[in-house]
PDB file of N, CA and C in Angstrom:
ATOM      1  N   MET A   1      37.263  38.845  25.338  1.00  0.00           N
ATOM      2  CA  MET A   1      36.361  39.421  24.359  1.00  0.00           C
ATOM      3  C   MET A   1      34.925  39.435  24.892  1.00  0.00           C
ATOM      4  N   ARG A   2      34.541  38.345  25.570  1.00  0.00           N
ATOM      5  CA  ARG A   2      33.177  38.288  26.103  1.00  0.00           C
ATOM      6  C   ARG A   2      32.953  39.367  27.156  1.00  0.00           C
ATOM      7  N   ARG A   3      33.977  39.590  27.989  1.00  0.00           N
ATOM      8  CA  ARG A   3      33.838  40.616  29.021  1.00  0.00           C
ATOM      9  C   ARG A   3      33.651  41.990  28.400  1.00  0.00           C
ATOM     10  N   CYS A   4      34.372  42.252  27.336  1.00  0.00           N
ATOM     11  CA  CYS A   4      34.275  43.548  26.665  1.00  0.00           C
ATOM     12  C   CYS A   4      32.876  43.747  26.090  1.00  0.00           C
ATOM     13  N   VAL A   5      32.356  42.736  25.438  1.00  0.00           N
ATOM     14  CA  VAL A   5      31.010  42.822  24.857  1.00  0.00           C
ATOM     15  C   VAL A   5      29.973  42.978  25.962  1.00  0.00           C
ATOM     16  N   PHE A   6      30.145  42.226  27.047  1.00  0.00           N
ATOM     17  CA  PHE A   6      29.212  42.324  28.165  1.00  0.00           C
ATOM     18  C   PHE A   6      29.249  43.716  28.782  1.00  0.00           C
ATOM     19  N   ALA A   7      30.443  44.287  28.944  1.00  0.00           N
ATOM     20  CA  ALA A   7      30.576  45.624  29.525  1.00  0.00           C
ATOM     21  C   ALA A   7      29.927  46.672  28.624  1.00  0.00           C
ATOM     22  N   VAL A   8      30.115  46.552  27.326  1.00  0.00           N
ATOM     23  CA  VAL A   8      29.520  47.503  26.391  1.00  0.00           C
ATOM     24  C   VAL A   8      27.995  47.397  26.424  1.00  0.00           C
ATOM     25  N   LEU A   9      27.460  46.191  26.430  1.00  0.00           N
ATOM     26  CA  LEU A   9      26.016  46.021  26.488  1.00  0.00           C
ATOM     27  C   LEU A   9      25.443  46.531  27.810  1.00  0.00           C
ATOM     28  N   ALA A  10      26.141  46.290  28.909  1.00  0.00           N
ATOM     29  CA  ALA A  10      25.685  46.795  30.197  1.00  0.00           C
ATOM     30  C   ALA A  10      25.708  48.320  30.221  1.00  0.00           C
ATOM     31  N   GLY A  11      26.728  48.906  29.631  1.00  0.00           N
ATOM     32  CA  GLY A  11      26.803  50.367  29.550  1.00  0.00           C
ATOM     33  C   GLY A  11      25.692  50.955  28.712  1.00  0.00           C
ATOM     34  N   ILE A  12      25.381  50.320  27.597  1.00  0.00           N
ATOM     35  CA  ILE A  12      24.284  50.794  26.737  1.00  0.00           C
ATOM     36  C   ILE A  12      22.953  50.692  27.478  1.00  0.00           C
ATOM     37  N   LEU A  13      22.745  49.606  28.177  1.00  0.00           N
ATOM     38  CA  LEU A  13      21.513  49.432  28.941  1.00  0.00           C
ATOM     39  C   LEU A  13      21.409  50.495  30.034  1.00  0.00           C
ATOM     40  N   PHE A  14      22.498  50.746  30.739  1.00  0.00           N
ATOM     41  CA  PHE A  14      22.504  51.762  31.790  1.00  0.00           C
ATOM     42  C   PHE A  14      22.200  53.141  31.215  1.00  0.00           C
ATOM     43  N   LEU A  15      22.827  53.490  30.117  1.00  0.00           N
ATOM     44  CA  LEU A  15      22.613  54.804  29.513  1.00  0.00           C
ATOM     45  C   LEU A  15      21.194  54.965  28.977  1.00  0.00           C
ATOM     46  N   SER A  16      20.582  53.876  28.525  1.00  0.00           N
ATOM     47  CA  SER A  16      19.202  53.990  28.032  1.00  0.00           C
ATOM     48  C   SER A  16      18.243  54.335  29.157  1.00  0.00           C
ATOM     49  N   PHE A  17      18.496  53.821  30.371  1.00  0.00           N
ATOM     50  CA  PHE A  17      17.651  54.171  31.513  1.00  0.00           C
ATOM     51  C   PHE A  17      18.000  55.554  32.043  1.00  0.00           C
ATOM     52  N   ALA A  18      19.266  55.927  32.012  1.00  0.00           N
ATOM     53  CA  ALA A  18      19.692  57.225  32.531  1.00  0.00           C
ATOM     54  C   ALA A  18      19.158  58.359  31.659  1.00  0.00           C
ATOM     55  N   ALA A  19      19.008  58.145  30.380  1.00  0.00           N
ATOM     56  CA  ALA A  19      18.490  59.183  29.489  1.00  0.00           C
ATOM     57  C   ALA A  19      17.047  59.522  29.834  1.00  0.00           C
ATOM     58  N   ASN A  20      16.266  58.556  30.252  1.00  0.00           N
ATOM     59  CA  ASN A  20      14.875  58.809  30.602  1.00  0.00           C
ATOM     60  C   ASN A  20      14.752  59.564  31.915  1.00  0.00           C
ATOM     61  N   ALA A  21      15.719  59.462  32.794  1.00  0.00           N
ATOM     62  CA  ALA A  21      15.651  60.124  34.089  1.00  0.00           C
ATOM     63  C   ALA A  21      15.771  61.636  33.958  1.00  0.00           C
ATOM     64  N   SER A  22      16.444  62.145  32.944  1.00  0.00           N
ATOM     65  CA  SER A  22      16.610  63.593  32.799  1.00  0.00           C
ATOM     66  C   SER A  22      15.270  64.285  32.572  1.00  0.00           C
ATOM     67  N   ALA A  23      14.327  63.618  31.952  1.00  0.00           N
ATOM     68  CA  ALA A  23      13.007  64.208  31.751  1.00  0.00           C
ATOM     69  C   ALA A  23      12.297  64.411  33.081  1.00  0.00           C
ATOM     70  N   CYS A  24      12.507  63.531  34.027  1.00  0.00           N
ATOM     71  CA  CYS A  24      11.875  63.662  35.340  1.00  0.00           C
ATOM     72  C   CYS A  24      12.490  64.790  36.146  1.00  0.00           C
ATOM     73  N   LEU A  25      13.782  65.021  35.981  1.00  0.00           N
ATOM     74  CA  LEU A  25      14.459  66.044  36.766  1.00  0.00           C
ATOM     75  C   LEU A  25      14.037  67.451  36.356  1.00  0.00           C
ATOM     76  N   ASN A  26      13.646  67.644  35.128  1.00  0.00           N
ATOM     77  CA  ASN A  26      13.294  68.973  34.622  1.00  0.00           C
ATOM     78  C   ASN A  26      11.795  69.168  34.491  1.00  0.00           C
ATOM     79  N   ASP A  27      11.016  68.491  35.283  1.00  0.00           N
ATOM     80  CA  ASP A  27       9.564  68.589  35.193  1.00  0.00           C
ATOM     81  C   ASP A  27       9.108  69.913  35.801  1.00  0.00           C
ATOM     82  N   ARG A  28       8.333  70.694  35.046  1.00  0.00           N
ATOM     83  CA  ARG A  28       7.890  72.004  35.513  1.00  0.00           C
ATOM     84  C   ARG A  28       6.503  71.954  36.145  1.00  0.00           C
ATOM     85  N   GLU A  29       5.825  70.854  36.110  1.00  0.00           N
ATOM     86  CA  GLU A  29       4.476  70.764  36.641  1.00  0.00           C
ATOM     87  C   GLU A  29       4.440  70.300  38.089  1.00  0.00           C
ATOM     88  N   ILE A  30       5.563  70.112  38.708  1.00  0.00           N
ATOM     89  CA  ILE A  30       5.604  69.560  40.065  1.00  0.00           C
ATOM     90  C   ILE A  30       4.929  70.496  41.059  1.00  0.00           C
ATOM     91  N   ASP A  31       5.181  71.805  40.976  1.00  0.00           N
ATOM     92  CA  ASP A  31       4.595  72.742  41.938  1.00  0.00           C
ATOM     93  C   ASP A  31       3.076  72.728  41.873  1.00  0.00           C
ATOM     94  N   ASN A  32       2.526  72.712  40.676  1.00  0.00           N
ATOM     95  CA  ASN A  32       1.068  72.681  40.545  1.00  0.00           C
ATOM     96  C   ASN A  32       0.489  71.390  41.089  1.00  0.00           C
ATOM     97  N   GLN A  33       1.150  70.296  40.836  1.00  0.00           N
ATOM     98  CA  GLN A  33       0.661  69.006  41.316  1.00  0.00           C
ATOM     99  C   GLN A  33       0.733  68.923  42.830  1.00  0.00           C
ATOM    100  N   GLU A  34       1.773  69.492  43.432  1.00  0.00           N
ATOM    101  CA  GLU A  34       1.875  69.476  44.890  1.00  0.00           C
ATOM    102  C   GLU A  34       0.759  70.290  45.518  1.00  0.00           C
ATOM    103  N   ARG A  35       0.453  71.455  44.956  1.00  0.00           N
ATOM    104  CA  ARG A  35      -0.645  72.258  45.491  1.00  0.00           C
ATOM    105  C   ARG A  35      -1.969  71.532  45.352  1.00  0.00           C
ATOM    106  N   PHE A  36      -2.185  70.879  44.232  1.00  0.00           N
ATOM    107  CA  PHE A  36      -3.425  70.125  44.024  1.00  0.00           C
ATOM    108  C   PHE A  36      -3.531  68.989  45.027  1.00  0.00           C
ATOM    109  N   PHE A  37      -2.450  68.289  45.254  1.00  0.00           N
ATOM    110  CA  PHE A  37      -2.462  67.180  46.205  1.00  0.00           C
ATOM    111  C   PHE A  37      -2.758  67.679  47.614  1.00  0.00           C
ATOM    112  N   LYS A  38      -2.073  68.739  48.025  1.00  0.00           N
ATOM    113  CA  LYS A  38      -2.265  69.258  49.374  1.00  0.00           C
ATOM    114  C   LYS A  38      -3.685  69.749  49.590  1.00  0.00           C
ATOM    115  N   SER A  39      -4.247  70.406  48.598  1.00  0.00           N
ATOM    116  CA  SER A  39      -5.596  70.946  48.775  1.00  0.00           C
ATOM    117  C   SER A  39      -6.649  69.848  48.831  1.00  0.00           C
ATOM    118  N   ASN A  40      -6.407  68.730  48.213  1.00  0.00           N
ATOM    119  CA  ASN A  40      -7.422  67.673  48.177  1.00  0.00           C
ATOM    120  C   ASN A  40      -7.268  66.618  49.251  1.00  0.00           C
ATOM    121  N   TYR A  41      -6.073  66.361  49.725  1.00  0.00           N
ATOM    122  CA  TYR A  41      -5.875  65.200  50.563  1.00  0.00           C
ATOM    123  C   TYR A  41      -5.360  65.483  51.969  1.00  0.00           C
ATOM    124  N   ILE A  42      -4.537  66.466  52.152  1.00  0.00           N
ATOM    125  CA  ILE A  42      -3.894  66.653  53.439  1.00  0.00           C
ATOM    126  C   ILE A  42      -4.875  67.185  54.483  1.00  0.00           C
ATOM    127  N   GLU A  43      -5.796  68.060  54.121  1.00  0.00           N
ATOM    128  CA  GLU A  43      -6.664  68.694  55.093  1.00  0.00           C
ATOM    129  C   GLU A  43      -7.838  67.811  55.525  1.00  0.00           C
ATOM    130  N   LYS A  44      -8.121  66.753  54.820  1.00  0.00           N
ATOM    131  CA  LYS A  44      -9.223  65.877  55.186  1.00  0.00           C
ATOM    132  C   LYS A  44      -8.813  64.998  56.359  1.00  0.00           C
ATOM    133  N   PRO A  45      -9.709  64.828  57.345  1.00  0.00           N
ATOM    134  CA  PRO A  45      -9.351  63.950  58.466  1.00  0.00           C
ATOM    135  C   PRO A  45      -9.303  62.492  58.013  1.00  0.00           C
ATOM    136  N   ALA A  46      -8.440  61.752  58.641  1.00  0.00           N
ATOM    137  CA  ALA A  46      -8.303  60.341  58.297  1.00  0.00           C
ATOM    138  C   ALA A  46      -9.487  59.564  58.859  1.00  0.00           C
ATOM    139  N   PRO A  47     -10.002  58.591  58.107  1.00  0.00           N
ATOM    140  CA  PRO A  47     -11.109  57.785  58.621  1.00  0.00           C
ATOM    141  C   PRO A  47     -10.635  56.895  59.759  1.00  0.00           C
ATOM    142  N   GLU A  48     -11.567  56.578  60.657  1.00  0.00           N
ATOM    143  CA  GLU A  48     -11.216  55.712  61.773  1.00  0.00           C
ATOM    144  C   GLU A  48     -10.973  54.292  61.257  1.00  0.00           C
ATOM    145  N   PRO A  49      -9.942  53.641  61.769  1.00  0.00           N
ATOM    146  CA  PRO A  49      -9.652  52.284  61.302  1.00  0.00           C
ATOM    147  C   PRO A  49     -10.738  51.308  61.742  1.00  0.00           C
ATOM    148  N   ALA A  50     -11.065  50.399  60.849  1.00  0.00           N
ATOM    149  CA  ALA A  50     -12.064  49.383  61.155  1.00  0.00           C
ATOM    150  C   ALA A  50     -11.449  48.343  62.085  1.00  0.00           C
ATOM    151  N   PRO A  51     -12.242  47.795  62.985  1.00  0.00           N
ATOM    152  CA  PRO A  51     -11.684  46.765  63.870  1.00  0.00           C
ATOM    153  C   PRO A  51     -11.293  45.537  63.061  1.00  0.00           C
ATOM    154  N   SER A  52     -10.140  44.983  63.407  1.00  0.00           N
ATOM    155  CA  SER A  52      -9.657  43.826  62.656  1.00  0.00           C
ATOM    156  C   SER A  52     -10.430  42.579  63.099  1.00  0.00           C
ATOM    157  N   PRO A  53     -10.907  41.823  62.138  1.00  0.00           N
ATOM    158  CA  PRO A  53     -11.645  40.604  62.492  1.00  0.00           C
ATOM    159  C   PRO A  53     -10.692  39.540  63.020  1.00  0.00           C
ATOM    160  N   THR A  54     -11.127  38.828  64.025  1.00  0.00           N
ATOM    161  CA  THR A  54     -10.303  37.753  64.567  1.00  0.00           C
ATOM    162  C   THR A  54     -10.768  36.431  63.972  1.00  0.00           C
ATOM    163  N   ALA A  55      -9.820  35.576  63.717  1.00  0.00           N
ATOM    164  CA  ALA A  55     -10.143  34.273  63.134  1.00  0.00           C
ATOM    165  C   ALA A  55     -10.685  33.352  64.220  1.00  0.00           C
ATOM    166  N   PRO A  56     -11.599  32.471  63.864  1.00  0.00           N
ATOM    167  CA  PRO A  56     -12.084  31.495  64.841  1.00  0.00           C
ATOM    168  C   PRO A  56     -10.953  30.586  65.315  1.00  0.00           C
ATOM    169  N   ALA A  57     -11.152  29.966  66.476  1.00  0.00           N
ATOM    170  CA  ALA A  57     -10.104  29.135  67.080  1.00  0.00           C
ATOM    171  C   ALA A  57      -9.709  27.963  66.181  1.00  0.00           C
ATOM    172  N   GLY A  58     -10.670  27.407  65.445  1.00  0.00           N
ATOM    173  CA  GLY A  58     -10.367  26.285  64.565  1.00  0.00           C
ATOM    174  C   GLY A  58      -9.430  26.678  63.439  1.00  0.00           C
ATOM    175  N   GLU A  59      -9.609  27.886  62.888  1.00  0.00           N
ATOM    176  CA  GLU A  59      -8.738  28.337  61.811  1.00  0.00           C
ATOM    177  C   GLU A  59      -7.338  28.625  62.330  1.00  0.00           C
ATOM    178  N   GLN A  60      -7.254  29.204  63.529  1.00  0.00           N
ATOM    179  CA  GLN A  60      -5.939  29.472  64.099  1.00  0.00           C
ATOM    180  C   GLN A  60      -5.186  28.174  64.360  1.00  0.00           C
ATOM    181  N   LEU A  61      -5.891  27.156  64.842  1.00  0.00           N
ATOM    182  CA  LEU A  61      -5.263  25.861  65.084  1.00  0.00           C
ATOM    183  C   LEU A  61      -4.751  25.261  63.783  1.00  0.00           C
ATOM    184  N   LEU A  62      -5.519  25.417  62.712  1.00  0.00           N
ATOM    185  CA  LEU A  62      -5.119  24.897  61.406  1.00  0.00           C
ATOM    186  C   LEU A  62      -3.866  25.623  60.900  1.00  0.00           C
ATOM    187  N   VAL A  63      -3.842  26.940  61.067  1.00  0.00           N
ATOM    188  CA  VAL A  63      -2.688  27.721  60.605  1.00  0.00           C
ATOM    189  C   VAL A  63      -1.443  27.357  61.408  1.00  0.00           C
ATOM    190  N   TYR A  64      -1.569  27.341  62.736  1.00  0.00           N
ATOM    191  CA  TYR A  64      -0.410  27.015  63.567  1.00  0.00           C
ATOM    192  C   TYR A  64       0.037  25.571  63.364  1.00  0.00           C
ATOM    193  N   GLY A  65      -0.903  24.673  63.142  1.00  0.00           N
ATOM    194  CA  GLY A  65      -0.545  23.287  62.863  1.00  0.00           C
ATOM    195  C   GLY A  65       0.208  23.165  61.555  1.00  0.00           C
ATOM    196  N   GLY A  66      -0.218  23.933  60.546  1.00  0.00           N
ATOM    197  CA  GLY A  66       0.485  23.924  59.258  1.00  0.00           C
ATOM    198  C   GLY A  66       1.886  24.481  59.378  1.00  0.00           C
ATOM    199  N   ILE A  67       2.021  25.554  60.145  1.00  0.00           N
ATOM    200  CA  ILE A  67       3.353  26.134  60.342  1.00  0.00           C
ATOM    201  C   ILE A  67       4.251  25.156  61.097  1.00  0.00           C
ATOM    202  N   GLY A  68       3.699  24.521  62.139  1.00  0.00           N
ATOM    203  CA  GLY A  68       4.481  23.553  62.907  1.00  0.00           C
ATOM    204  C   GLY A  68       4.870  22.351  62.078  1.00  0.00           C
ATOM    205  N   GLY A  69       3.948  21.854  61.275  1.00  0.00           N
ATOM    206  CA  GLY A  69       4.245  20.711  60.412  1.00  0.00           C
ATOM    207  C   GLY A  69       5.301  21.045  59.370  1.00  0.00           C
ATOM    208  N   GLY A  70       5.192  22.236  58.780  1.00  0.00           N
ATOM    209  CA  GLY A  70       6.189  22.658  57.798  1.00  0.00           C
ATOM    210  C   GLY A  70       7.561  22.818  58.417  1.00  0.00           C
ATOM    211  N   THR A  71       7.588  23.359  59.638  1.00  0.00           N
ATOM    212  CA  THR A  71       8.867  23.509  60.340  1.00  0.00           C
ATOM    213  C   THR A  71       9.479  22.151  60.649  1.00  0.00           C
ATOM    214  N   ALA A  72       8.646  21.199  61.097  1.00  0.00           N
ATOM    215  CA  ALA A  72       9.144  19.857  61.393  1.00  0.00           C
ATOM    216  C   ALA A  72       9.701  19.193  60.137  1.00  0.00           C
ATOM    217  N   LEU A  73       9.017  19.350  59.013  1.00  0.00           N
ATOM    218  CA  LEU A  73       9.512  18.773  57.753  1.00  0.00           C
ATOM    219  C   LEU A  73      10.826  19.423  57.326  1.00  0.00           C
ATOM    220  N   LEU A  74      10.930  20.726  57.501  1.00  0.00           N
ATOM    221  CA  LEU A  74      12.156  21.423  57.133  1.00  0.00           C
ATOM    222  C   LEU A  74      13.334  20.965  57.994  1.00  0.00           C
ATOM    223  N   ILE A  75      13.107  20.861  59.286  1.00  0.00           N
ATOM    224  CA  ILE A  75      14.179  20.404  60.181  1.00  0.00           C
ATOM    225  C   ILE A  75      14.572  18.964  59.858  1.00  0.00           C
ATOM    226  N   GLY A  76      13.574  18.118  59.574  1.00  0.00           N
ATOM    227  CA  GLY A  76      13.878  16.733  59.208  1.00  0.00           C
ATOM    228  C   GLY A  76      14.678  16.648  57.925  1.00  0.00           C
ATOM    229  N   ALA A  77      14.331  17.460  56.928  1.00  0.00           N
ATOM    230  CA  ALA A  77      15.064  17.442  55.665  1.00  0.00           C
ATOM    231  C   ALA A  77      16.491  17.937  55.857  1.00  0.00           C
ATOM    232  N   LEU A  78      16.674  18.972  56.674  1.00  0.00           N
ATOM    233  CA  LEU A  78      18.026  19.459  56.932  1.00  0.00           C
ATOM    234  C   LEU A  78      18.857  18.416  57.665  1.00  0.00           C
ATOM    235  N   ALA A  79      18.264  17.774  58.666  1.00  0.00           N
ATOM    236  CA  ALA A  79      18.981  16.729  59.410  1.00  0.00           C
ATOM    237  C   ALA A  79      19.353  15.580  58.492  1.00  0.00           C
ATOM    238  N   LEU A  80      18.426  15.148  57.656  1.00  0.00           N
ATOM    239  CA  LEU A  80      18.704  14.052  56.729  1.00  0.00           C
ATOM    240  C   LEU A  80      19.804  14.432  55.749  1.00  0.00           C
ATOM    241  N   GLY A  81      19.775  15.652  55.266  1.00  0.00           N
ATOM    242  CA  GLY A  81      20.823  16.115  54.361  1.00  0.00           C
ATOM    243  C   GLY A  81      22.183  16.157  55.018  1.00  0.00           C
ATOM    244  N   LEU A  82      22.235  16.591  56.262  1.00  0.00           N
ATOM    245  CA  LEU A  82      23.512  16.625  56.967  1.00  0.00           C
ATOM    246  C   LEU A  82      24.038  15.221  57.244  1.00  0.00           C
ATOM    247  N   VAL A  83      23.170  14.304  57.631  1.00  0.00           N
ATOM    248  CA  VAL A  83      23.605  12.929  57.927  1.00  0.00           C
ATOM    249  C   VAL A  83      24.114  12.250  56.663  1.00  0.00           C
ATOM    250  N   VAL A  84      23.412  12.408  55.568  1.00  0.00           N
ATOM    251  CA  VAL A  84      23.816  11.765  54.318  1.00  0.00           C
ATOM    252  C   VAL A  84      25.109  12.388  53.800  1.00  0.00           C
ATOM    253  N   SER A  85      25.274  13.715  53.934  1.00  0.00           N
ATOM    254  CA  SER A  85      26.490  14.357  53.424  1.00  0.00           C
ATOM    255  C   SER A  85      27.705  13.966  54.244  1.00  0.00           C
ATOM    256  N   ARG A  86      27.551  13.651  55.515  1.00  0.00           N
ATOM    257  CA  ARG A  86      28.687  13.243  56.339  1.00  0.00           C
ATOM    258  C   ARG A  86      29.129  11.809  56.029  1.00  0.00           C
ATOM    259  N   LYS A  87      28.189  10.988  55.602  1.00  0.00           N
ATOM    260  CA  LYS A  87      28.533   9.596  55.295  1.00  0.00           C
ATOM    261  C   LYS A  87      29.232   9.458  53.965  1.00  0.00           C
ATOM    262  N   THR A  88      29.073  10.405  53.073  1.00  0.00           N
ATOM    263  CA  THR A  88      29.692  10.277  51.746  1.00  0.00           C
ATOM    264  C   THR A  88      31.016  10.943  51.662  1.00  0.00           C
TER     265      THR A  88
END
């Protein structure tokens, strides 16, 4: 009985989303919007990318140290979990 109720509720939920999709498929303003987009954005040249700032050496050491410490803790926790699970 629970499976039947769950299937019916899932079907109703699916159909409620599918009903809204039909409005998108029959949209008549798409051609006008595409022309507007192309005329405003495609012909403009792209701006030059800004140079990416580099972090100072102290910040990089802090980041890499944090990653290394987290990795060491993760490996230690996994090893401890495996050792304890084998003893029980």
